[in-house]
Amino acid sequence: MIKSVFSFLLLLAFTVTHAQLQPVVWSYGAKKTADRTYEVEIKATIKEGWHLFSQTQPADAIAIPTAFTINPNPLLIRKGTLREVGKLEKYKDKTLGVTAYQYSGQVRFVQTVVLKAKAKTVFAGSVEFQTCDDEKCLPPQKVNFSIPLQ
């Protein structure tokens, strides 16, 4: 009995700690900008004191960059690359002597897509990212997304 109560409390403590360490909230949407053309937005809202790394990093970086995997969709044509919209911060760690490109507060990842035909479909994939504060970095996480286009 005591062993199962202890196991339950340990699991509860892990769950509460893990829930508190979710410094990034992701949201998704698409805005029609022209006939069959959409601007897809993947937005990261970052908890105060934390940061999210850019998709591109300097040569001396040890940070794990944010990376997107976009599922193939024969109904879509991607125009350009998935661009970052936000205030890019260039961070220099004085102790390790490394640099990182990062965002605080919020960053939007925007992709223009064109439908090949008038049809309902989705822009889907996943984002793998790492977040850090001034004391620690969390292990990389992967989040799936699916954004309807109509």
Protein backbone atom coordinates (compact mmCIF):
# COMPACT_ATOMS: atom_id res chain seq x y z
CA MET A 1 0.00 0.00 0.00
CA ILE A 2 2.73 2.48 0.97
CA LYS A 3 4.70 1.54 -2.14
CA SER A 4 1.75 2.27 -4.45
CA VAL A 5 1.00 5.58 -2.68
CA PHE A 6 4.66 6.57 -3.06
CA SER A 7 4.60 5.59 -6.76
CA PHE A 8 1.45 7.64 -7.28
CA LEU A 9 2.96 10.71 -5.57
CA LEU A 10 6.15 10.37 -7.63
CA LEU A 11 4.11 10.17 -10.84
CA LEU A 12 2.03 13.17 -9.75
CA ALA A 13 5.15 15.22 -8.97
CA PHE A 14 6.64 14.35 -12.38
CA THR A 15 3.39 15.29 -14.15
CA VAL A 16 3.12 18.64 -12.35
CA THR A 17 6.82 19.44 -12.96
CA HIS A 18 6.54 18.46 -16.63
CA ALA A 19 3.39 20.56 -17.07
CA GLN A 20 5.14 23.59 -15.57
CA LEU A 21 8.07 23.16 -17.98
CA GLN A 22 6.10 23.89 -21.15
CA PRO A 23 7.62 27.26 -21.97
CA VAL A 24 6.34 27.36 -25.57
CA VAL A 25 2.71 27.33 -26.69
CA TRP A 26 2.17 26.70 -30.41
CA SER A 27 -0.79 28.00 -32.42
CA TYR A 28 -1.60 27.63 -36.10
CA GLY A 29 -3.66 29.32 -38.77
CA ALA A 30 -3.98 30.17 -42.44
CA LYS A 31 -5.09 33.38 -44.13
CA LYS A 32 -6.28 33.48 -47.73
CA THR A 33 -4.32 36.20 -49.55
CA ALA A 34 -5.47 35.60 -53.15
CA ASP A 35 -7.31 33.01 -55.22
CA ARG A 36 -5.96 29.60 -54.07
CA THR A 37 -3.08 31.35 -52.22
CA TYR A 38 -2.66 31.16 -48.45
CA GLU A 39 -0.25 32.45 -45.87
CA VAL A 40 0.21 29.69 -43.31
CA GLU A 41 1.32 30.78 -39.85
CA ILE A 42 2.86 28.67 -37.09
CA LYS A 43 3.23 30.87 -34.00
CA ALA A 44 5.35 30.19 -30.92
CA THR A 45 4.40 32.10 -27.78
CA ILE A 46 7.35 31.82 -25.40
CA LYS A 47 7.01 32.10 -21.62
CA GLU A 48 8.89 35.00 -20.02
CA GLY A 49 12.50 34.12 -19.17
CA TRP A 50 12.72 31.44 -21.89
CA HIS A 51 13.87 31.52 -25.49
CA LEU A 52 13.44 29.47 -28.65
CA PHE A 53 16.25 29.03 -31.15
CA SER A 54 16.12 30.23 -34.74
CA GLN A 55 16.07 27.79 -37.68
CA THR A 56 19.56 28.98 -38.62
CA GLN A 57 22.45 29.21 -36.21
CA PRO A 58 25.98 30.66 -36.45
CA ALA A 59 28.92 28.33 -37.08
CA ASP A 60 30.01 28.34 -33.42
CA ALA A 61 26.54 27.58 -32.03
CA ILE A 62 25.82 24.53 -29.89
CA ALA A 63 22.09 25.32 -29.75
CA ILE A 64 19.67 22.94 -31.44
CA PRO A 65 17.89 24.97 -34.14
CA THR A 66 14.13 24.87 -34.60
CA ALA A 67 13.41 22.48 -37.49
CA PHE A 68 10.24 21.92 -39.48
CA THR A 69 9.29 18.78 -41.38
CA ILE A 70 6.50 19.44 -43.87
CA ASN A 71 4.47 16.46 -45.04
CA PRO A 72 4.32 16.08 -48.83
CA ASN A 73 1.00 17.22 -50.31
CA PRO A 74 0.42 16.87 -54.06
CA LEU A 75 -2.27 19.60 -53.90
CA LEU A 76 0.13 22.30 -52.63
CA ILE A 77 2.98 24.33 -54.04
CA ARG A 78 5.22 26.01 -51.46
CA LYS A 79 6.41 29.48 -52.45
CA GLY A 80 9.76 30.35 -50.93
CA THR A 81 10.92 29.07 -47.57
CA LEU A 82 9.36 28.99 -44.12
CA ARG A 83 10.41 32.43 -42.89
CA GLU A 84 10.73 33.73 -39.34
CA VAL A 85 8.92 36.90 -38.32
CA GLY A 86 9.97 38.28 -34.95
CA LYS A 87 12.74 40.09 -33.11
CA LEU A 88 15.86 37.98 -33.58
CA GLU A 89 18.27 38.15 -30.64
CA LYS A 90 21.98 37.39 -31.04
CA TYR A 91 23.14 35.84 -27.77
CA LYS A 92 26.82 35.43 -26.85
CA ASP A 93 27.63 33.08 -23.96
CA LYS A 94 30.67 34.57 -22.24
CA THR A 95 31.51 31.37 -20.35
CA LEU A 96 31.43 28.98 -23.31
CA GLY A 97 32.30 31.52 -25.98
CA VAL A 98 29.47 30.41 -28.28
CA THR A 99 26.77 32.36 -30.06
CA ALA A 100 23.09 31.58 -30.62
CA TYR A 101 20.27 33.17 -32.60
CA GLN A 102 17.09 33.07 -30.56
CA TYR A 103 13.65 34.56 -29.92
CA SER A 104 11.89 35.61 -26.74
CA GLY A 105 8.21 36.41 -26.27
CA GLN A 106 6.90 35.41 -29.69
CA VAL A 107 7.98 34.38 -33.16
CA ARG A 108 5.89 33.50 -36.20
CA PHE A 109 6.95 31.04 -38.89
CA VAL A 110 5.20 31.93 -42.15
CA GLN A 111 4.92 29.96 -45.40
CA THR A 112 3.10 30.98 -48.57
CA VAL A 113 1.33 28.10 -50.33
CA VAL A 114 -0.73 27.85 -53.50
CA LEU A 115 -3.41 25.22 -54.08
CA LYS A 116 -3.09 23.48 -57.46
CA ALA A 117 -6.88 23.15 -57.63
CA LYS A 118 -9.89 24.35 -55.66
CA ALA A 119 -10.01 21.70 -52.97
CA LYS A 120 -9.98 21.31 -49.21
CA THR A 121 -6.62 20.11 -47.92
CA VAL A 122 -4.15 20.60 -45.07
CA PHE A 123 -0.66 21.96 -44.56
CA ALA A 124 0.74 19.42 -42.10
CA GLY A 125 3.99 18.38 -40.53
CA SER A 126 5.95 18.72 -37.31
CA VAL A 127 8.26 21.14 -35.55
CA GLU A 128 11.20 20.02 -33.43
CA PHE A 129 12.55 22.64 -31.05
CA GLN A 130 14.54 23.27 -27.91
CA THR A 131 13.97 25.94 -25.28
CA CYS A 132 16.36 27.33 -22.68
CA ASP A 133 16.32 29.84 -19.86
CA ASP A 134 19.35 31.38 -18.14
CA GLU A 135 20.00 28.22 -16.12
CA LYS A 136 18.93 25.21 -18.14
CA CYS A 137 17.86 23.82 -21.49
CA LEU A 138 15.02 21.35 -21.87
CA PRO A 139 15.42 18.30 -24.11
CA PRO A 140 14.23 18.84 -27.69
CA GLN A 141 10.49 18.35 -28.21
CA LYS A 142 8.51 17.49 -31.31
CA VAL A 143 4.99 18.79 -31.99
CA ASN A 144 2.77 17.78 -34.89
CA PHE A 145 0.50 20.26 -36.65
CA SER A 146 -2.24 20.18 -39.28
CA ILE A 147 -3.59 23.45 -40.68
CA PRO A 148 -6.77 23.28 -42.82
CA LEU A 149 -6.84 25.16 -46.12
CA GLN A 150 -10.28 25.73 -47.62
